N, C-alpha and C. Protein backbone atom coordinates (compact mmCIF):
# COMPACT_ATOMS: atom_id res chain seq x y z
N MET A 1 79.89 80.35 119.05
CA MET A 1 79.63 80.33 117.76
C MET A 1 79.49 81.84 117.11
N SER A 2 80.14 82.12 116.00
CA SER A 2 80.10 83.50 115.54
C SER A 2 78.82 83.89 114.92
N ASP A 3 78.26 85.04 115.07
CA ASP A 3 77.07 85.30 114.33
C ASP A 3 77.40 86.12 113.06
N GLY A 4 78.68 86.28 112.74
CA GLY A 4 79.11 86.90 111.49
C GLY A 4 79.21 88.41 111.67
N THR A 5 78.98 88.99 112.85
CA THR A 5 79.04 90.36 113.10
C THR A 5 80.28 90.84 113.98
N ALA A 6 81.09 89.87 114.22
CA ALA A 6 82.25 90.10 115.14
C ALA A 6 83.22 91.09 114.36
N ALA A 7 83.75 91.98 115.05
CA ALA A 7 84.65 92.98 114.56
C ALA A 7 85.88 92.43 114.04
N ALA A 8 86.41 92.81 112.92
CA ALA A 8 87.62 92.41 112.51
C ALA A 8 88.86 92.74 113.32
N ARG A 9 89.94 91.86 113.22
CA ARG A 9 90.99 92.29 113.98
C ARG A 9 91.62 93.68 113.71
N PRO A 10 91.93 94.48 114.59
CA PRO A 10 92.39 95.75 114.32
C PRO A 10 93.73 95.73 113.48
N VAL A 11 93.94 96.74 112.65
CA VAL A 11 95.10 96.86 111.90
C VAL A 11 96.27 97.30 112.90
N ARG A 12 97.32 96.44 112.75
CA ARG A 12 98.49 96.75 113.74
C ARG A 12 99.47 97.60 113.11
N ILE A 13 99.75 98.70 113.72
CA ILE A 13 100.65 99.74 113.10
C ILE A 13 101.94 99.85 113.88
N LEU A 14 103.14 100.10 113.27
CA LEU A 14 104.37 100.49 113.76
C LEU A 14 104.70 101.82 113.18
N LEU A 15 104.84 102.83 114.16
CA LEU A 15 105.29 104.13 113.74
C LEU A 15 106.84 104.24 113.74
N ALA A 16 107.37 104.75 112.62
CA ALA A 16 108.88 104.81 112.49
C ALA A 16 109.19 106.21 112.11
N ASP A 17 109.60 106.98 113.07
CA ASP A 17 109.96 108.37 112.76
C ASP A 17 111.02 108.82 113.88
N ASP A 18 112.05 109.59 113.55
CA ASP A 18 113.02 109.89 114.53
C ASP A 18 112.60 111.22 115.39
N GLN A 19 111.49 111.66 115.15
CA GLN A 19 110.96 112.92 115.89
C GLN A 19 109.87 112.44 116.80
N PRO A 20 110.10 112.41 118.09
CA PRO A 20 109.06 111.88 118.98
C PRO A 20 107.81 112.70 118.98
N LEU A 21 107.91 114.00 118.75
CA LEU A 21 106.72 114.88 118.68
C LEU A 21 105.83 114.45 117.54
N LEU A 22 106.36 114.11 116.42
CA LEU A 22 105.62 113.68 115.33
C LEU A 22 105.02 112.23 115.58
N ARG A 23 105.66 111.34 116.23
CA ARG A 23 105.07 110.05 116.63
C ARG A 23 103.87 110.36 117.51
N THR A 24 104.06 111.25 118.45
CA THR A 24 103.04 111.55 119.41
C THR A 24 101.72 112.05 118.69
N GLY A 25 102.00 112.97 117.71
CA GLY A 25 100.84 113.44 116.94
C GLY A 25 100.08 112.33 116.19
N PHE A 26 100.93 111.35 115.50
CA PHE A 26 100.22 110.41 114.74
C PHE A 26 99.53 109.49 115.82
N ARG A 27 100.07 109.16 116.95
CA ARG A 27 99.47 108.43 117.88
C ARG A 27 98.13 109.07 118.30
N MET A 28 98.11 110.17 118.53
CA MET A 28 96.89 110.83 118.88
C MET A 28 95.78 110.79 117.88
N VAL A 29 96.23 110.89 116.59
CA VAL A 29 95.25 110.84 115.55
C VAL A 29 94.70 109.47 115.25
N LEU A 30 95.70 108.47 115.25
CA LEU A 30 95.29 107.06 115.01
C LEU A 30 94.55 106.42 116.22
N GLY A 31 94.87 106.89 117.49
CA GLY A 31 94.37 106.28 118.55
C GLY A 31 92.89 106.47 118.82
N THR A 32 92.25 107.23 117.97
CA THR A 32 90.81 107.56 118.12
C THR A 32 90.11 106.54 117.24
N GLU A 33 90.70 105.77 116.51
CA GLU A 33 90.13 104.87 115.47
C GLU A 33 90.09 103.41 116.12
N GLU A 34 88.87 102.83 116.32
CA GLU A 34 88.79 101.46 116.98
C GLU A 34 89.36 100.33 116.25
N ASP A 35 89.52 100.55 114.91
CA ASP A 35 90.05 99.45 114.07
C ASP A 35 91.62 99.57 113.85
N LEU A 36 92.29 100.55 114.53
CA LEU A 36 93.72 100.76 114.33
C LEU A 36 94.33 100.63 115.67
N ASP A 37 95.44 99.91 115.70
CA ASP A 37 96.26 99.64 116.97
C ASP A 37 97.74 99.81 116.87
N ILE A 38 98.23 100.96 117.42
CA ILE A 38 99.65 101.20 117.36
C ILE A 38 100.42 100.25 118.22
N VAL A 39 101.23 99.34 117.68
CA VAL A 39 101.84 98.25 118.56
C VAL A 39 103.19 98.65 119.06
N ALA A 40 103.84 99.60 118.32
CA ALA A 40 105.26 100.03 118.77
C ALA A 40 105.63 101.21 117.92
N GLU A 41 106.68 101.87 118.43
CA GLU A 41 107.33 103.02 117.82
C GLU A 41 108.85 102.75 117.63
N ALA A 42 109.34 103.26 116.50
CA ALA A 42 110.76 103.12 116.16
C ALA A 42 111.28 104.54 116.03
N GLY A 43 112.53 104.84 116.49
CA GLY A 43 113.20 106.10 116.26
C GLY A 43 114.11 106.13 115.25
N ASP A 44 114.33 104.93 114.49
CA ASP A 44 115.26 104.93 113.40
C ASP A 44 114.96 103.78 112.57
N GLY A 45 115.63 103.70 111.34
CA GLY A 45 115.19 102.65 110.45
C GLY A 45 115.64 101.23 110.90
N GLN A 46 116.82 101.19 111.48
CA GLN A 46 117.30 99.84 111.92
C GLN A 46 116.24 99.28 112.96
N GLU A 47 115.83 100.19 113.85
CA GLU A 47 114.84 99.69 114.89
C GLU A 47 113.55 99.26 114.25
N ALA A 48 113.23 100.02 113.24
CA ALA A 48 111.88 99.74 112.48
C ALA A 48 111.93 98.34 111.84
N VAL A 49 113.16 97.94 111.28
CA VAL A 49 113.38 96.65 110.71
C VAL A 49 113.22 95.59 111.82
N GLU A 50 114.00 95.89 112.98
CA GLU A 50 114.00 94.92 113.99
C GLU A 50 112.63 94.65 114.60
N LEU A 51 111.80 95.78 114.79
CA LEU A 51 110.51 95.58 115.41
C LEU A 51 109.61 94.89 114.32
N SER A 52 109.72 95.15 113.13
CA SER A 52 108.89 94.53 112.09
C SER A 52 109.11 93.04 112.08
N ARG A 53 110.37 92.65 112.27
CA ARG A 53 110.53 91.27 112.36
C ARG A 53 110.07 90.57 113.55
N ARG A 54 110.06 91.32 114.64
CA ARG A 54 109.66 90.69 115.93
C ARG A 54 108.14 90.72 116.10
N LEU A 55 107.50 91.84 115.62
CA LEU A 55 106.10 92.07 115.99
C LEU A 55 105.17 91.90 114.80
N LEU A 56 105.72 91.85 113.56
CA LEU A 56 104.99 91.59 112.36
C LEU A 56 103.77 92.53 112.31
N PRO A 57 103.87 93.77 112.40
CA PRO A 57 102.82 94.75 112.28
C PRO A 57 102.11 94.55 110.83
N ASP A 58 100.86 95.04 110.68
CA ASP A 58 100.36 95.00 109.37
C ASP A 58 100.92 96.04 108.45
N VAL A 59 101.11 97.20 109.03
CA VAL A 59 101.61 98.37 108.30
C VAL A 59 102.65 99.23 109.17
N VAL A 60 103.72 99.51 108.45
CA VAL A 60 104.67 100.43 108.96
C VAL A 60 104.57 101.85 108.31
N LEU A 61 104.30 102.92 109.31
CA LEU A 61 104.30 104.25 108.75
C LEU A 61 105.78 104.74 108.89
N MET A 62 106.49 104.73 107.67
CA MET A 62 107.80 104.97 107.62
C MET A 62 108.40 106.38 107.18
N ASP A 63 109.14 106.98 108.02
CA ASP A 63 109.73 108.24 107.52
C ASP A 63 110.84 107.99 106.65
N ILE A 64 111.26 108.81 105.81
CA ILE A 64 112.42 108.66 105.03
C ILE A 64 113.78 108.90 105.64
N ARG A 65 113.92 110.05 106.19
CA ARG A 65 115.20 110.38 106.71
C ARG A 65 115.36 110.28 108.16
N MET A 66 116.03 109.15 108.53
CA MET A 66 116.18 108.80 109.94
C MET A 66 117.65 108.26 110.07
N PRO A 67 118.11 108.33 111.36
CA PRO A 67 119.52 107.96 111.57
C PRO A 67 119.69 106.34 111.57
N ARG A 68 120.88 106.00 111.49
CA ARG A 68 121.35 104.54 111.46
C ARG A 68 120.93 103.91 110.11
N MET A 69 119.75 103.94 109.75
CA MET A 69 119.27 103.49 108.50
C MET A 69 118.05 104.26 107.99
N ASP A 70 118.08 104.84 106.67
CA ASP A 70 117.03 105.61 106.29
C ASP A 70 115.68 104.70 105.91
N GLY A 71 114.72 105.49 105.67
CA GLY A 71 113.41 104.76 105.35
C GLY A 71 113.44 103.93 104.09
N VAL A 72 114.20 104.20 103.10
CA VAL A 72 114.25 103.45 101.93
C VAL A 72 115.05 102.14 102.27
N ALA A 73 116.24 102.18 102.81
CA ALA A 73 116.94 101.00 103.15
C ALA A 73 116.13 100.14 104.05
N ALA A 74 115.34 100.73 105.12
CA ALA A 74 114.57 99.95 105.97
C ALA A 74 113.44 99.18 105.26
N THR A 75 112.87 99.99 104.36
CA THR A 75 111.80 99.40 103.50
C THR A 75 112.35 98.30 102.76
N ARG A 76 113.46 98.31 102.03
CA ARG A 76 114.11 97.34 101.32
C ARG A 76 114.37 96.03 102.23
N ALA A 77 114.84 96.29 103.44
CA ALA A 77 115.14 95.22 104.28
C ALA A 77 113.88 94.42 104.66
N ILE A 78 112.76 95.15 105.00
CA ILE A 78 111.50 94.55 105.42
C ILE A 78 110.96 93.72 104.18
N VAL A 79 111.02 94.23 103.00
CA VAL A 79 110.56 93.50 101.81
C VAL A 79 111.37 92.27 101.48
N ASP A 80 112.65 92.54 101.44
CA ASP A 80 113.59 91.48 101.11
C ASP A 80 113.48 90.28 102.18
N ALA A 81 113.15 90.53 103.36
CA ALA A 81 112.92 89.59 104.36
C ALA A 81 111.70 88.73 104.24
N ARG A 82 110.78 89.23 103.28
CA ARG A 82 109.54 88.57 102.95
C ARG A 82 108.61 88.53 104.16
N LEU A 83 108.55 89.64 104.89
CA LEU A 83 107.73 89.74 106.00
C LEU A 83 106.36 90.19 105.57
N PRO A 84 105.30 89.59 106.22
CA PRO A 84 103.91 90.07 105.80
C PRO A 84 103.52 91.38 106.43
N VAL A 85 104.49 92.22 106.01
CA VAL A 85 104.34 93.74 106.62
C VAL A 85 104.39 94.65 105.25
N ARG A 86 103.42 95.65 105.32
CA ARG A 86 103.42 96.58 104.21
C ARG A 86 103.92 97.97 104.70
N VAL A 87 104.58 98.72 103.75
CA VAL A 87 105.17 99.90 104.30
C VAL A 87 104.50 101.13 103.66
N LEU A 88 104.14 102.18 104.35
CA LEU A 88 103.59 103.41 103.84
C LEU A 88 104.44 104.50 104.24
N ILE A 89 105.13 105.05 103.21
CA ILE A 89 106.10 106.08 103.35
C ILE A 89 105.41 107.51 103.64
N LEU A 90 106.05 108.15 104.66
CA LEU A 90 105.71 109.51 105.06
C LEU A 90 106.77 110.41 104.63
N THR A 91 106.51 111.46 103.79
CA THR A 91 107.51 112.37 103.37
C THR A 91 107.07 113.76 103.42
N THR A 92 108.09 114.65 103.13
CA THR A 92 107.68 116.09 103.10
C THR A 92 108.10 116.51 101.71
N PHE A 93 107.61 117.75 101.29
CA PHE A 93 107.71 118.10 99.83
C PHE A 93 109.12 118.03 99.29
N ASP A 94 110.01 118.51 100.27
CA ASP A 94 111.43 118.61 99.82
C ASP A 94 112.13 117.32 99.68
N LEU A 95 111.51 116.16 100.07
CA LEU A 95 112.09 114.94 100.07
C LEU A 95 111.45 114.04 98.93
N ASP A 96 110.77 114.66 98.08
CA ASP A 96 110.01 113.92 97.11
C ASP A 96 110.93 113.00 96.29
N GLU A 97 112.15 113.44 96.07
CA GLU A 97 112.92 112.58 95.15
C GLU A 97 113.38 111.30 95.81
N TYR A 98 113.13 111.03 97.03
CA TYR A 98 113.35 109.80 97.64
C TYR A 98 112.12 108.71 97.43
N VAL A 99 111.09 109.31 96.98
CA VAL A 99 109.80 108.47 96.89
C VAL A 99 110.02 107.33 95.88
N VAL A 100 110.63 107.66 94.74
CA VAL A 100 110.70 106.67 93.67
C VAL A 100 111.64 105.57 94.25
N GLY A 101 112.70 105.91 94.89
CA GLY A 101 113.55 104.80 95.39
C GLY A 101 112.76 103.99 96.42
N ALA A 102 111.98 104.66 97.27
CA ALA A 102 111.20 103.89 98.30
C ALA A 102 110.11 102.93 97.59
N LEU A 103 109.56 103.44 96.48
CA LEU A 103 108.64 102.51 95.90
C LEU A 103 109.32 101.46 95.09
N ARG A 104 110.51 101.61 94.53
CA ARG A 104 111.32 100.57 94.00
C ARG A 104 111.61 99.49 95.07
N ALA A 105 111.84 100.13 96.28
CA ALA A 105 112.26 99.09 97.36
C ALA A 105 111.09 98.31 97.80
N GLY A 106 109.88 98.56 97.44
CA GLY A 106 108.81 97.76 97.73
C GLY A 106 107.72 98.42 98.64
N ALA A 107 107.85 99.72 98.78
CA ALA A 107 106.83 100.41 99.54
C ALA A 107 105.47 100.32 98.98
N SER A 108 104.38 100.42 99.67
CA SER A 108 103.07 100.23 99.07
C SER A 108 102.43 101.54 98.77
N GLY A 109 103.28 102.64 99.01
CA GLY A 109 102.83 104.06 98.78
C GLY A 109 103.35 105.05 99.58
N PHE A 110 102.88 106.21 99.43
CA PHE A 110 103.52 107.36 100.26
C PHE A 110 102.41 108.45 100.45
N LEU A 111 102.60 109.19 101.58
CA LEU A 111 101.74 110.26 102.02
C LEU A 111 102.64 111.44 102.39
N ALA A 112 102.12 112.63 102.28
CA ALA A 112 102.80 113.78 102.85
C ALA A 112 102.49 113.76 104.32
N LYS A 113 103.51 114.24 105.18
CA LYS A 113 103.38 114.30 106.61
C LYS A 113 102.30 115.15 107.14
N ASP A 114 101.84 116.13 106.25
CA ASP A 114 100.79 117.04 106.66
C ASP A 114 99.42 116.63 106.11
N VAL A 115 99.28 115.26 105.68
CA VAL A 115 97.98 114.79 105.08
C VAL A 115 97.01 114.85 106.16
N PRO A 116 95.79 115.27 105.77
CA PRO A 116 94.56 115.46 106.73
C PRO A 116 94.46 113.91 107.33
N ALA A 117 93.90 114.05 108.58
CA ALA A 117 93.77 112.85 109.40
C ALA A 117 93.00 111.80 108.78
N GLU A 118 91.87 112.19 108.22
CA GLU A 118 90.95 111.28 107.60
C GLU A 118 91.61 110.51 106.35
N ASP A 119 92.49 111.19 105.71
CA ASP A 119 93.25 110.64 104.55
C ASP A 119 94.18 109.58 105.08
N LEU A 120 94.91 109.97 106.07
CA LEU A 120 95.93 109.08 106.69
C LEU A 120 95.25 107.78 107.16
N VAL A 121 94.17 107.84 107.80
CA VAL A 121 93.46 106.66 108.33
C VAL A 121 92.96 105.78 107.05
N THR A 122 92.34 106.52 106.17
CA THR A 122 92.01 105.60 104.93
C THR A 122 93.13 105.01 104.38
N ALA A 123 94.24 105.74 104.12
CA ALA A 123 95.40 105.13 103.43
C ALA A 123 95.79 103.90 104.31
N ILE A 124 95.92 103.92 105.59
CA ILE A 124 96.37 102.87 106.42
C ILE A 124 95.46 101.57 106.06
N ARG A 125 94.18 101.91 106.20
CA ARG A 125 93.24 100.84 105.96
C ARG A 125 93.47 100.18 104.44
N THR A 126 93.62 100.98 103.57
CA THR A 126 93.92 100.61 102.25
C THR A 126 95.00 99.73 101.98
N VAL A 127 96.08 100.23 102.59
CA VAL A 127 97.39 99.46 102.48
C VAL A 127 97.20 98.15 103.23
N ALA A 128 96.65 98.18 104.37
CA ALA A 128 96.57 96.84 105.15
C ALA A 128 95.62 95.74 104.36
N ALA A 129 94.74 96.36 103.58
CA ALA A 129 93.87 95.44 102.69
C ALA A 129 94.62 94.95 101.53
N GLY A 130 95.84 95.31 101.39
CA GLY A 130 96.73 94.83 100.20
C GLY A 130 96.79 95.75 98.98
N GLU A 131 96.21 96.89 99.10
CA GLU A 131 96.19 97.90 97.91
C GLU A 131 97.22 98.92 98.16
N ALA A 132 97.43 99.65 97.03
CA ALA A 132 98.47 100.70 97.08
C ALA A 132 97.80 102.07 97.30
N VAL A 133 98.34 102.99 97.86
CA VAL A 133 97.62 104.39 98.06
C VAL A 133 98.26 105.52 97.27
N VAL A 134 99.25 105.31 96.45
CA VAL A 134 99.67 106.35 95.66
C VAL A 134 98.95 106.40 94.31
N ALA A 135 98.24 107.57 94.19
CA ALA A 135 97.38 107.85 92.97
C ALA A 135 98.50 107.78 91.88
N PRO A 136 98.07 107.00 90.85
CA PRO A 136 99.09 106.96 89.64
C PRO A 136 99.42 108.28 89.15
N ARG A 137 98.44 109.28 88.93
CA ARG A 137 98.78 110.55 88.45
C ARG A 137 99.72 111.28 89.40
N ILE A 138 99.62 111.06 90.72
CA ILE A 138 100.65 111.74 91.52
C ILE A 138 101.97 111.16 91.41
N LEU A 139 102.10 109.76 91.08
CA LEU A 139 103.40 109.15 90.93
C LEU A 139 103.86 109.66 89.58
N LYS A 140 103.10 109.86 88.58
CA LYS A 140 103.59 110.32 87.32
C LYS A 140 104.22 111.70 87.48
N ARG A 141 103.69 112.59 88.27
CA ARG A 141 104.21 113.90 88.51
C ARG A 141 105.65 113.77 89.01
N LEU A 142 105.69 112.79 89.99
CA LEU A 142 106.99 112.61 90.60
C LEU A 142 107.97 112.05 89.60
N LEU A 143 107.57 111.09 88.83
CA LEU A 143 108.49 110.59 87.86
C LEU A 143 108.86 111.70 86.74
N ASP A 144 108.03 112.44 86.43
CA ASP A 144 108.19 113.61 85.51
C ASP A 144 109.26 114.45 86.07
N ARG A 145 109.16 114.85 87.32
CA ARG A 145 110.06 115.79 87.97
C ARG A 145 111.48 115.21 88.18
N PHE A 146 111.42 113.93 88.58
CA PHE A 146 112.69 113.30 88.88
C PHE A 146 113.09 112.24 87.84
N ALA A 147 112.88 112.50 86.57
CA ALA A 147 113.12 111.47 85.51
C ALA A 147 114.65 111.23 85.45
N ASP A 148 115.50 112.13 85.94
CA ASP A 148 116.89 111.91 85.79
C ASP A 148 117.38 110.82 86.68
N VAL A 149 116.58 110.42 87.69
CA VAL A 149 117.00 109.32 88.52
C VAL A 149 116.55 107.92 87.96
N LEU A 150 115.82 107.95 86.88
CA LEU A 150 115.47 106.74 86.26
C LEU A 150 116.52 106.09 85.28
N PRO A 151 116.45 104.82 85.11
CA PRO A 151 117.41 104.21 84.09
C PRO A 151 117.15 104.82 82.64
N ASP A 152 118.00 104.72 81.89
CA ASP A 152 117.98 105.15 80.48
C ASP A 152 116.71 104.66 79.87
N PRO A 153 115.73 105.50 79.29
CA PRO A 153 114.55 104.99 78.79
C PRO A 153 114.79 104.27 77.58
N ALA A 154 116.01 104.29 76.96
CA ALA A 154 116.23 103.53 75.62
C ALA A 154 116.77 102.20 75.97
N ALA A 155 116.80 101.82 77.35
CA ALA A 155 117.36 100.53 77.52
C ALA A 155 116.31 99.45 77.10
N THR A 156 116.77 98.21 76.89
CA THR A 156 115.88 97.15 76.37
C THR A 156 114.87 96.80 77.48
N PRO A 157 113.61 96.80 77.11
CA PRO A 157 112.46 96.46 78.01
C PRO A 157 112.66 95.29 78.63
N PRO A 158 112.16 94.96 79.90
CA PRO A 158 112.33 93.74 80.56
C PRO A 158 111.72 92.50 79.64
N LYS A 159 112.18 91.36 79.66
CA LYS A 159 111.57 90.27 78.80
C LYS A 159 110.16 89.98 79.37
N ALA A 160 109.97 90.15 80.60
CA ALA A 160 108.55 89.90 81.20
C ALA A 160 107.59 90.61 80.42
N LEU A 161 107.84 91.76 79.90
CA LEU A 161 106.79 92.55 79.22
C LEU A 161 106.30 91.73 77.94
N SER A 162 107.10 90.89 77.39
CA SER A 162 106.71 90.08 76.27
C SER A 162 105.59 89.05 76.59
N SER A 163 105.50 88.87 77.86
CA SER A 163 104.50 87.89 78.36
C SER A 163 103.08 88.37 78.42
N LEU A 164 103.05 89.69 78.28
CA LEU A 164 101.64 90.32 78.28
C LEU A 164 101.05 90.35 76.91
N THR A 165 99.76 90.17 76.93
CA THR A 165 98.94 90.31 75.74
C THR A 165 98.96 91.71 75.21
N GLU A 166 98.55 91.98 74.01
CA GLU A 166 98.53 93.41 73.60
C GLU A 166 97.49 94.08 74.36
N ARG A 167 96.36 93.56 74.78
CA ARG A 167 95.43 94.32 75.76
C ARG A 167 95.94 94.60 77.06
N GLU A 168 96.70 93.52 77.56
CA GLU A 168 97.34 93.82 78.89
C GLU A 168 98.47 95.01 78.78
N ARG A 169 99.06 94.99 77.74
CA ARG A 169 100.19 96.07 77.60
C ARG A 169 99.32 97.41 77.47
N GLU A 170 98.29 97.40 76.77
CA GLU A 170 97.49 98.68 76.60
C GLU A 170 96.93 99.13 77.96
N VAL A 171 96.50 98.17 78.74
CA VAL A 171 96.03 98.46 80.11
C VAL A 171 97.16 99.02 80.96
N LEU A 172 98.37 98.44 80.86
CA LEU A 172 99.42 98.85 81.70
C LEU A 172 99.80 100.31 81.32
N VAL A 173 99.81 100.61 80.14
CA VAL A 173 100.16 101.95 79.63
C VAL A 173 99.16 102.94 80.17
N GLN A 174 97.87 102.61 80.27
CA GLN A 174 96.83 103.46 80.76
C GLN A 174 97.00 103.67 82.17
N VAL A 175 97.24 102.61 82.95
CA VAL A 175 97.63 102.64 84.37
C VAL A 175 98.75 103.63 84.63
N ALA A 176 99.80 103.51 83.81
CA ALA A 176 100.94 104.29 84.08
C ALA A 176 100.65 105.77 83.68
N ARG A 177 99.62 106.05 82.95
CA ARG A 177 99.34 107.50 82.55
C ARG A 177 98.44 108.04 83.59
N GLY A 178 97.96 107.32 84.72
CA GLY A 178 97.21 107.88 85.81
C GLY A 178 95.84 107.59 85.78
N LEU A 179 95.36 106.79 84.82
CA LEU A 179 93.93 106.40 84.78
C LEU A 179 93.40 105.45 85.77
N SER A 180 92.31 105.57 86.32
CA SER A 180 91.77 104.65 87.33
C SER A 180 91.06 103.49 86.57
N ASN A 181 90.82 102.35 87.12
CA ASN A 181 90.13 101.20 86.48
C ASN A 181 88.97 101.63 85.72
N ALA A 182 88.12 102.61 86.37
CA ALA A 182 86.81 102.95 85.67
C ALA A 182 87.18 103.87 84.46
N GLU A 183 88.16 104.68 84.56
CA GLU A 183 88.50 105.58 83.44
C GLU A 183 89.16 104.67 82.30
N ILE A 184 89.93 103.68 82.60
CA ILE A 184 90.43 102.73 81.56
C ILE A 184 89.30 101.95 80.85
N ALA A 185 88.34 101.53 81.71
CA ALA A 185 87.10 100.79 81.18
C ALA A 185 86.37 101.70 80.25
N ALA A 186 86.22 102.93 80.57
CA ALA A 186 85.42 103.71 79.71
C ALA A 186 86.24 103.97 78.42
N ALA A 187 87.46 104.14 78.50
CA ALA A 187 88.27 104.46 77.38
C ALA A 187 88.42 103.31 76.34
N LEU A 188 88.29 102.04 76.97
CA LEU A 188 88.46 100.77 76.11
C LEU A 188 87.06 100.18 75.87
N SER A 189 86.03 100.85 76.34
CA SER A 189 84.63 100.31 76.22
C SER A 189 84.46 98.92 76.70
N VAL A 190 85.03 98.71 77.78
CA VAL A 190 84.73 97.34 78.51
C VAL A 190 84.32 97.62 79.90
N SER A 191 84.02 96.47 80.61
CA SER A 191 83.60 96.65 82.01
C SER A 191 84.73 96.91 82.87
N GLU A 192 84.43 97.54 84.12
CA GLU A 192 85.48 97.67 85.03
C GLU A 192 85.97 96.50 85.60
N THR A 193 85.14 95.40 85.69
CA THR A 193 85.53 94.12 86.12
C THR A 193 86.57 93.54 85.24
N THR A 194 86.50 93.79 83.98
CA THR A 194 87.30 93.26 82.97
C THR A 194 88.71 93.88 83.11
N ILE A 195 88.71 95.16 83.46
CA ILE A 195 90.03 95.95 83.57
C ILE A 195 90.67 95.38 84.79
N LYS A 196 89.93 95.02 85.89
CA LYS A 196 90.42 94.68 87.17
C LYS A 196 91.09 93.30 86.90
N THR A 197 90.51 92.55 86.02
CA THR A 197 91.09 91.23 85.67
C THR A 197 92.40 91.43 84.92
N HIS A 198 92.38 92.29 83.96
CA HIS A 198 93.63 92.61 83.17
C HIS A 198 94.79 93.15 84.11
N VAL A 199 94.44 93.96 84.98
CA VAL A 199 95.42 94.46 85.96
C VAL A 199 95.97 93.43 86.76
N GLY A 200 95.13 92.52 87.27
CA GLY A 200 95.55 91.46 87.99
C GLY A 200 96.50 90.48 87.27
N HIS A 201 96.22 90.28 85.97
CA HIS A 201 97.14 89.45 85.17
C HIS A 201 98.51 90.17 84.85
N VAL A 202 98.48 91.44 84.67
CA VAL A 202 99.61 92.21 84.54
C VAL A 202 100.60 92.01 85.73
N LEU A 203 100.04 92.26 86.94
CA LEU A 203 100.78 92.20 88.15
C LEU A 203 101.31 90.85 88.36
N THR A 204 100.50 89.76 88.05
CA THR A 204 100.93 88.38 88.24
C THR A 204 102.13 88.06 87.27
N LYS A 205 101.93 88.42 86.02
CA LYS A 205 102.95 88.10 84.99
C LYS A 205 104.31 88.79 85.18
N LEU A 206 104.20 90.03 85.74
CA LEU A 206 105.35 90.88 85.91
C LEU A 206 105.92 90.64 87.39
N GLY A 207 105.36 89.85 88.16
CA GLY A 207 105.78 89.73 89.50
C GLY A 207 105.74 90.97 90.36
N LEU A 208 104.79 91.61 90.25
CA LEU A 208 104.69 92.99 91.01
C LEU A 208 103.58 92.93 92.22
N ARG A 209 103.82 93.63 93.23
CA ARG A 209 103.00 93.55 94.43
C ARG A 209 101.62 94.45 94.09
N ASP A 210 101.74 95.47 93.40
CA ASP A 210 100.61 96.44 93.25
C ASP A 210 100.73 97.27 92.04
N ARG A 211 99.78 98.06 91.72
CA ARG A 211 99.73 98.84 90.56
C ARG A 211 100.81 100.02 90.57
N VAL A 212 101.27 100.33 91.80
CA VAL A 212 102.26 101.38 91.92
C VAL A 212 103.58 100.96 91.40
N GLN A 213 103.98 99.65 91.70
CA GLN A 213 105.13 99.12 91.12
C GLN A 213 105.00 99.00 89.63
N ALA A 214 103.73 98.68 89.18
CA ALA A 214 103.58 98.50 87.78
C ALA A 214 103.88 99.88 86.99
N VAL A 215 103.40 100.97 87.66
CA VAL A 215 103.66 102.22 87.02
C VAL A 215 105.13 102.53 86.94
N VAL A 216 105.89 102.15 88.13
CA VAL A 216 107.35 102.40 88.06
C VAL A 216 107.89 101.58 86.93
N LEU A 217 107.62 100.20 86.77
CA LEU A 217 108.12 99.50 85.84
C LEU A 217 107.86 100.02 84.39
N ALA A 218 106.69 100.58 84.24
CA ALA A 218 106.33 101.13 82.85
C ALA A 218 107.22 102.20 82.44
N TYR A 219 107.56 103.15 83.48
CA TYR A 219 108.47 104.13 83.25
C TYR A 219 109.89 103.65 83.00
N GLU A 220 110.35 102.84 83.93
CA GLU A 220 111.79 102.35 83.81
C GLU A 220 112.03 101.56 82.64
N SER A 221 111.04 100.87 82.04
CA SER A 221 111.23 100.10 80.87
C SER A 221 111.09 100.89 79.61
N GLY A 222 110.69 102.15 79.73
CA GLY A 222 110.49 102.96 78.51
C GLY A 222 109.12 102.72 77.80
N LEU A 223 108.30 101.90 78.42
CA LEU A 223 106.94 101.76 77.84
C LEU A 223 106.07 103.07 77.75
N VAL A 224 106.31 103.75 78.90
CA VAL A 224 105.83 104.99 78.95
C VAL A 224 107.03 106.01 79.35
N ARG A 225 107.05 107.17 78.57
CA ARG A 225 108.17 108.00 78.84
C ARG A 225 107.80 109.19 79.81
N PRO A 226 108.71 109.58 80.59
CA PRO A 226 108.50 110.84 81.41
C PRO A 226 108.12 112.01 80.46
N ARG A 227 107.29 112.92 80.93
CA ARG A 227 107.02 114.15 80.17
C ARG A 227 106.34 113.84 78.76
N GLN A 228 105.79 112.56 78.74
CA GLN A 228 105.29 112.25 77.40
C GLN A 228 103.93 112.88 77.30
């Protein structure tokens, strides 16, 4: 009989990077955490997809630029297969333009490869728990910088937006501008719990996985404009 204190199952991780030295570094960092378990490594995107299908890791740490299949395509394949696997993109500064594509493909967020070890560990746990790890204000800077890769902001907004209440649209705009739930609650003079409820309704109505995808949709639909 459980006494309620048994440790939760470790988060199962797949490392996908074509550089063995980097995979070794990540393994050394993550191997010291009792609640994280690296179950396999992949040297290219296609192998990452195959291992994801076979092993069903909780989180894939996915490099962007890899042979045979890049990280964006691999992410899309994993998401399209509806696997219970979440993808955390690893990128370098000069590859930032790929991040928007990766988030569109269904990634749960991204980190720089030189992220501090404690931030990497926290991000993995956050993603495994079903949340996104891209701070909206960071995503906004990316969208501002790479606005030219987005669809025409004058395009007709998705019909799904019409299903939102006025307050839900207002909350979506604030999320897209980089405000946290607490900041939105303060701005609208309501409780943080109320904002969490609104965000949940927005995600459900728009068929989105997390608030990161909500930010992307807000920009793509023209609800919020880059450099606004």
